[in-house]
Amino acid sequence: MKEVLMAIGLLLFIEGSLYALFPSKMRHIISVLTKMPLNQLRFTGFFLAFVGFLIIWYIKK
């Protein structure tokens, strides 16, 4: 449970830092994401989740 909370905190820290340091770039990325087809967005999400899982699995191994 401690690792999950740490991972969520790290995610929020990184994402918050990106918005604080590069607000116009993040706004542009969001506009690009809203124009992306749902199937492509879904595939990208699954792919990134899988890569994240592999990284976590490798570290915990």
PDB file of N, CA and C in Angstrom:
ATOM      1  N   MET A   1       0.818  -1.194   0.000  1.00  0.00           N
ATOM      2  CA  MET A   1       0.000   0.000   0.000  1.00  0.00           C
ATOM      3  C   MET A   1       0.868   1.267   0.000  1.00  0.00           C
ATOM      4  N   LYS A   2       1.980   1.183   0.718  1.00  0.00           N
ATOM      5  CA  LYS A   2       2.886   2.333   0.778  1.00  0.00           C
ATOM      6  C   LYS A   2       3.437   2.669  -0.602  1.00  0.00           C
ATOM      7  N   GLU A   3       3.763   1.631  -1.390  1.00  0.00           N
ATOM      8  CA  GLU A   3       4.299   1.851  -2.731  1.00  0.00           C
ATOM      9  C   GLU A   3       3.268   2.498  -3.645  1.00  0.00           C
ATOM     10  N   VAL A   4       2.010   2.106  -3.497  1.00  0.00           N
ATOM     11  CA  VAL A   4       0.947   2.670  -4.333  1.00  0.00           C
ATOM     12  C   VAL A   4       0.797   4.164  -4.045  1.00  0.00           C
ATOM     13  N   LEU A   5       0.765   4.518  -2.768  1.00  0.00           N
ATOM     14  CA  LEU A   5       0.658   5.931  -2.415  1.00  0.00           C
ATOM     15  C   LEU A   5       1.873   6.721  -2.886  1.00  0.00           C
ATOM     16  N   MET A   6       3.040   6.117  -2.805  1.00  0.00           N
ATOM     17  CA  MET A   6       4.243   6.782  -3.281  1.00  0.00           C
ATOM     18  C   MET A   6       4.184   6.976  -4.800  1.00  0.00           C
ATOM     19  N   ALA A   7       3.692   5.982  -5.514  1.00  0.00           N
ATOM     20  CA  ALA A   7       3.582   6.084  -6.968  1.00  0.00           C
ATOM     21  C   ALA A   7       2.585   7.171  -7.357  1.00  0.00           C
ATOM     22  N   ILE A   8       1.466   7.253  -6.665  1.00  0.00           N
ATOM     23  CA  ILE A   8       0.472   8.295  -6.951  1.00  0.00           C
ATOM     24  C   ILE A   8       1.058   9.671  -6.659  1.00  0.00           C
ATOM     25  N   GLY A   9       1.764   9.786  -5.548  1.00  0.00           N
ATOM     26  CA  GLY A   9       2.406  11.055  -5.223  1.00  0.00           C
ATOM     27  C   GLY A   9       3.423  11.464  -6.268  1.00  0.00           C
ATOM     28  N   LEU A  10       4.214  10.506  -6.738  1.00  0.00           N
ATOM     29  CA  LEU A  10       5.209  10.798  -7.774  1.00  0.00           C
ATOM     30  C   LEU A  10       4.535  11.218  -9.071  1.00  0.00           C
ATOM     31  N   LEU A  11       3.466  10.543  -9.431  1.00  0.00           N
ATOM     32  CA  LEU A  11       2.711  10.899 -10.631  1.00  0.00           C
ATOM     33  C   LEU A  11       2.189  12.323 -10.532  1.00  0.00           C
ATOM     34  N   LEU A  12       1.586  12.670  -9.404  1.00  0.00           N
ATOM     35  CA  LEU A  12       1.055  14.021  -9.224  1.00  0.00           C
ATOM     36  C   LEU A  12       2.164  15.063  -9.230  1.00  0.00           C
ATOM     37  N   PHE A  13       3.295  14.741  -8.632  1.00  0.00           N
ATOM     38  CA  PHE A  13       4.432  15.662  -8.617  1.00  0.00           C
ATOM     39  C   PHE A  13       4.942  15.928 -10.031  1.00  0.00           C
ATOM     40  N   ILE A  14       5.124  14.880 -10.805  1.00  0.00           N
ATOM     41  CA  ILE A  14       5.646  15.035 -12.165  1.00  0.00           C
ATOM     42  C   ILE A  14       4.649  15.792 -13.037  1.00  0.00           C
ATOM     43  N   GLU A  15       3.377  15.407 -12.974  1.00  0.00           N
ATOM     44  CA  GLU A  15       2.386  16.071 -13.809  1.00  0.00           C
ATOM     45  C   GLU A  15       2.203  17.534 -13.389  1.00  0.00           C
ATOM     46  N   GLY A  16       2.161  17.785 -12.104  1.00  0.00           N
ATOM     47  CA  GLY A  16       2.048  19.161 -11.631  1.00  0.00           C
ATOM     48  C   GLY A  16       3.237  20.006 -12.036  1.00  0.00           C
ATOM     49  N   SER A  17       4.423  19.421 -11.993  1.00  0.00           N
ATOM     50  CA  SER A  17       5.630  20.148 -12.408  1.00  0.00           C
ATOM     51  C   SER A  17       5.576  20.496 -13.891  1.00  0.00           C
ATOM     52  N   LEU A  18       5.082  19.582 -14.703  1.00  0.00           N
ATOM     53  CA  LEU A  18       4.973  19.866 -16.136  1.00  0.00           C
ATOM     54  C   LEU A  18       4.028  21.025 -16.395  1.00  0.00           C
ATOM     55  N   TYR A  19       2.876  21.040 -15.706  1.00  0.00           N
ATOM     56  CA  TYR A  19       1.930  22.145 -15.874  1.00  0.00           C
ATOM     57  C   TYR A  19       2.506  23.455 -15.350  1.00  0.00           C
ATOM     58  N   ALA A  20       3.274  23.407 -14.281  1.00  0.00           N
ATOM     59  CA  ALA A  20       3.851  24.628 -13.717  1.00  0.00           C
ATOM     60  C   ALA A  20       4.981  25.176 -14.591  1.00  0.00           C
ATOM     61  N   LEU A  21       5.797  24.301 -15.152  1.00  0.00           N
ATOM     62  CA  LEU A  21       6.947  24.737 -15.935  1.00  0.00           C
ATOM     63  C   LEU A  21       6.624  25.040 -17.399  1.00  0.00           C
ATOM     64  N   PHE A  22       5.681  24.292 -17.978  1.00  0.00           N
ATOM     65  CA  PHE A  22       5.367  24.413 -19.402  1.00  0.00           C
ATOM     66  C   PHE A  22       3.858  24.523 -19.635  1.00  0.00           C
ATOM     67  N   PRO A  23       3.190  25.550 -19.125  1.00  0.00           N
ATOM     68  CA  PRO A  23       1.728  25.613 -19.247  1.00  0.00           C
ATOM     69  C   PRO A  23       1.234  25.710 -20.695  1.00  0.00           C
ATOM     70  N   SER A  24       1.905  26.475 -21.539  1.00  0.00           N
ATOM     71  CA  SER A  24       1.430  26.605 -22.920  1.00  0.00           C
ATOM     72  C   SER A  24       1.644  25.301 -23.694  1.00  0.00           C
ATOM     73  N   LYS A  25       2.755  24.630 -23.427  1.00  0.00           N
ATOM     74  CA  LYS A  25       3.022  23.349 -24.096  1.00  0.00           C
ATOM     75  C   LYS A  25       1.993  22.298 -23.676  1.00  0.00           C
ATOM     76  N   MET A  26       1.645  22.280 -22.380  1.00  0.00           N
ATOM     77  CA  MET A  26       0.651  21.316 -21.892  1.00  0.00           C
ATOM     78  C   MET A  26      -0.726  21.600 -22.496  1.00  0.00           C
ATOM     79  N   ARG A  27      -1.067  22.880 -22.654  1.00  0.00           N
ATOM     80  CA  ARG A  27      -2.344  23.237 -23.280  1.00  0.00           C
ATOM     81  C   ARG A  27      -2.360  22.747 -24.725  1.00  0.00           C
ATOM     82  N   HIS A  28      -1.235  22.884 -25.422  1.00  0.00           N
ATOM     83  CA  HIS A  28      -1.146  22.412 -26.805  1.00  0.00           C
ATOM     84  C   HIS A  28      -1.300  20.883 -26.860  1.00  0.00           C
ATOM     85  N   ILE A  29      -0.656  20.175 -25.943  1.00  0.00           N
ATOM     86  CA  ILE A  29      -0.757  18.712 -25.907  1.00  0.00           C
ATOM     87  C   ILE A  29      -2.196  18.282 -25.669  1.00  0.00           C
ATOM     88  N   ILE A  30      -2.892  18.986 -24.775  1.00  0.00           N
ATOM     89  CA  ILE A  30      -4.294  18.646 -24.501  1.00  0.00           C
ATOM     90  C   ILE A  30      -5.154  18.879 -25.736  1.00  0.00           C
ATOM     91  N   SER A  31      -4.900  19.960 -26.470  1.00  0.00           N
ATOM     92  CA  SER A  31      -5.681  20.211 -27.690  1.00  0.00           C
ATOM     93  C   SER A  31      -5.423  19.131 -28.739  1.00  0.00           C
ATOM     94  N   VAL A  32      -4.186  18.646 -28.815  1.00  0.00           N
ATOM     95  CA  VAL A  32      -3.874  17.557 -29.752  1.00  0.00           C
ATOM     96  C   VAL A  32      -4.594  16.280 -29.323  1.00  0.00           C
ATOM     97  N   LEU A  33      -4.618  16.010 -28.016  1.00  0.00           N
ATOM     98  CA  LEU A  33      -5.286  14.808 -27.518  1.00  0.00           C
ATOM     99  C   LEU A  33      -6.788  14.829 -27.780  1.00  0.00           C
ATOM    100  N   THR A  34      -7.412  16.007 -27.689  1.00  0.00           N
ATOM    101  CA  THR A  34      -8.857  16.080 -27.931  1.00  0.00           C
ATOM    102  C   THR A  34      -9.207  15.829 -29.388  1.00  0.00           C
ATOM    103  N   LYS A  35      -8.262  16.032 -30.291  1.00  0.00           N
ATOM    104  CA  LYS A  35      -8.505  15.791 -31.719  1.00  0.00           C
ATOM    105  C   LYS A  35      -8.142  14.373 -32.141  1.00  0.00           C
ATOM    106  N   MET A  36      -7.501  13.616 -31.255  1.00  0.00           N
ATOM    107  CA  MET A  36      -7.057  12.269 -31.579  1.00  0.00           C
ATOM    108  C   MET A  36      -8.261  11.308 -31.588  1.00  0.00           C
ATOM    109  N   PRO A  37      -8.323  10.401 -32.563  1.00  0.00           N
ATOM    110  CA  PRO A  37      -9.411   9.418 -32.579  1.00  0.00           C
ATOM    111  C   PRO A  37      -9.404   8.552 -31.307  1.00  0.00           C
ATOM    112  N   LEU A  38     -10.591   8.153 -30.863  1.00  0.00           N
ATOM    113  CA  LEU A  38     -10.705   7.397 -29.616  1.00  0.00           C
ATOM    114  C   LEU A  38      -9.944   6.076 -29.657  1.00  0.00           C
ATOM    115  N   ASN A  39      -9.976   5.380 -30.780  1.00  0.00           N
ATOM    116  CA  ASN A  39      -9.263   4.105 -30.861  1.00  0.00           C
ATOM    117  C   ASN A  39      -7.759   4.292 -30.697  1.00  0.00           C
ATOM    118  N   GLN A  40      -7.222   5.341 -31.295  1.00  0.00           N
ATOM    119  CA  GLN A  40      -5.791   5.609 -31.172  1.00  0.00           C
ATOM    120  C   GLN A  40      -5.447   6.006 -29.736  1.00  0.00           C
ATOM    121  N   LEU A  41      -6.300   6.804 -29.127  1.00  0.00           N
ATOM    122  CA  LEU A  41      -6.089   7.215 -27.740  1.00  0.00           C
ATOM    123  C   LEU A  41      -6.165   6.009 -26.799  1.00  0.00           C
ATOM    124  N   ARG A  42      -7.121   5.120 -27.054  1.00  0.00           N
ATOM    125  CA  ARG A  42      -7.263   3.914 -26.239  1.00  0.00           C
ATOM    126  C   ARG A  42      -6.040   3.005 -26.388  1.00  0.00           C
ATOM    127  N   PHE A  43      -5.576   2.806 -27.624  1.00  0.00           N
ATOM    128  CA  PHE A  43      -4.401   1.977 -27.852  1.00  0.00           C
ATOM    129  C   PHE A  43      -3.176   2.567 -27.154  1.00  0.00           C
ATOM    130  N   THR A  44      -3.008   3.886 -27.256  1.00  0.00           N
ATOM    131  CA  THR A  44      -1.877   4.545 -26.605  1.00  0.00           C
ATOM    132  C   THR A  44      -1.945   4.363 -25.097  1.00  0.00           C
ATOM    133  N   GLY A  45      -3.149   4.488 -24.533  1.00  0.00           N
ATOM    134  CA  GLY A  45      -3.320   4.287 -23.097  1.00  0.00           C
ATOM    135  C   GLY A  45      -2.970   2.872 -22.670  1.00  0.00           C
ATOM    136  N   PHE A  46      -3.457   1.876 -23.402  1.00  0.00           N
ATOM    137  CA  PHE A  46      -3.125   0.487 -23.078  1.00  0.00           C
ATOM    138  C   PHE A  46      -1.629   0.227 -23.214  1.00  0.00           C
ATOM    139  N   PHE A  47      -1.032   0.779 -24.252  1.00  0.00           N
ATOM    140  CA  PHE A  47       0.402   0.585 -24.473  1.00  0.00           C
ATOM    141  C   PHE A  47       1.222   1.187 -23.329  1.00  0.00           C
ATOM    142  N   LEU A  48       0.884   2.417 -22.942  1.00  0.00           N
ATOM    143  CA  LEU A  48       1.618   3.055 -21.850  1.00  0.00           C
ATOM    144  C   LEU A  48       1.401   2.340 -20.525  1.00  0.00           C
ATOM    145  N   ALA A  49       0.183   1.853 -20.292  1.00  0.00           N
ATOM    146  CA  ALA A  49      -0.085   1.087 -19.078  1.00  0.00           C
ATOM    147  C   ALA A  49       0.738  -0.199 -19.063  1.00  0.00           C
ATOM    148  N   PHE A  50       0.855  -0.856 -20.214  1.00  0.00           N
ATOM    149  CA  PHE A  50       1.638  -2.086 -20.308  1.00  0.00           C
ATOM    150  C   PHE A  50       3.124  -1.813 -20.072  1.00  0.00           C
ATOM    151  N   VAL A  51       3.635  -0.739 -20.657  1.00  0.00           N
ATOM    152  CA  VAL A  51       5.039  -0.376 -20.444  1.00  0.00           C
ATOM    153  C   VAL A  51       5.275  -0.058 -18.964  1.00  0.00           C
ATOM    154  N   GLY A  52       4.357   0.675 -18.362  1.00  0.00           N
ATOM    155  CA  GLY A  52       4.467   0.976 -16.935  1.00  0.00           C
ATOM    156  C   GLY A  52       4.459  -0.280 -16.092  1.00  0.00           C
ATOM    157  N   PHE A  53       3.584  -1.231 -16.443  1.00  0.00           N
ATOM    158  CA  PHE A  53       3.543  -2.508 -15.731  1.00  0.00           C
ATOM    159  C   PHE A  53       4.871  -3.250 -15.861  1.00  0.00           C
ATOM    160  N   LEU A  54       5.443  -3.267 -17.064  1.00  0.00           N
ATOM    161  CA  LEU A  54       6.724  -3.954 -17.263  1.00  0.00           C
ATOM    162  C   LEU A  54       7.834  -3.309 -16.443  1.00  0.00           C
ATOM    163  N   ILE A  55       7.838  -1.995 -16.370  1.00  0.00           N
ATOM    164  CA  ILE A  55       8.854  -1.300 -15.571  1.00  0.00           C
ATOM    165  C   ILE A  55       8.711  -1.668 -14.102  1.00  0.00           C
ATOM    166  N   ILE A  56       7.479  -1.631 -13.598  1.00  0.00           N
ATOM    167  CA  ILE A  56       7.239  -1.982 -12.192  1.00  0.00           C
ATOM    168  C   ILE A  56       7.624  -3.436 -11.929  1.00  0.00           C
ATOM    169  N   TRP A  57       7.250  -4.333 -12.845  1.00  0.00           N
ATOM    170  CA  TRP A  57       7.563  -5.752 -12.677  1.00  0.00           C
ATOM    171  C   TRP A  57       9.078  -5.965 -12.649  1.00  0.00           C
ATOM    172  N   TYR A  58       9.786  -5.266 -13.551  1.00  0.00           N
ATOM    173  CA  TYR A  58      11.251  -5.409 -13.603  1.00  0.00           C
ATOM    174  C   TYR A  58      11.900  -4.902 -12.310  1.00  0.00           C
ATOM    175  N   ILE A  59      11.427  -3.792 -11.802  1.00  0.00           N
ATOM    176  CA  ILE A  59      11.999  -3.222 -10.581  1.00  0.00           C
ATOM    177  C   ILE A  59      11.726  -4.126  -9.371  1.00  0.00           C
ATOM    178  N   LYS A  60      10.511  -4.652  -9.287  1.00  0.00           N
ATOM    179  CA  LYS A  60      10.145  -5.482  -8.132  1.00  0.00           C
ATOM    180  C   LYS A  60      10.773  -6.880  -8.211  1.00  0.00           C
ATOM    181  N   LYS A  61      11.221  -7.293  -9.374  1.00  0.00           N
ATOM    182  CA  LYS A  61      11.788  -8.639  -9.571  1.00  0.00           C
ATOM    183  C   LYS A  61      13.087  -8.830  -8.888  1.00  0.00           C
TER     184      LYS A  61
END
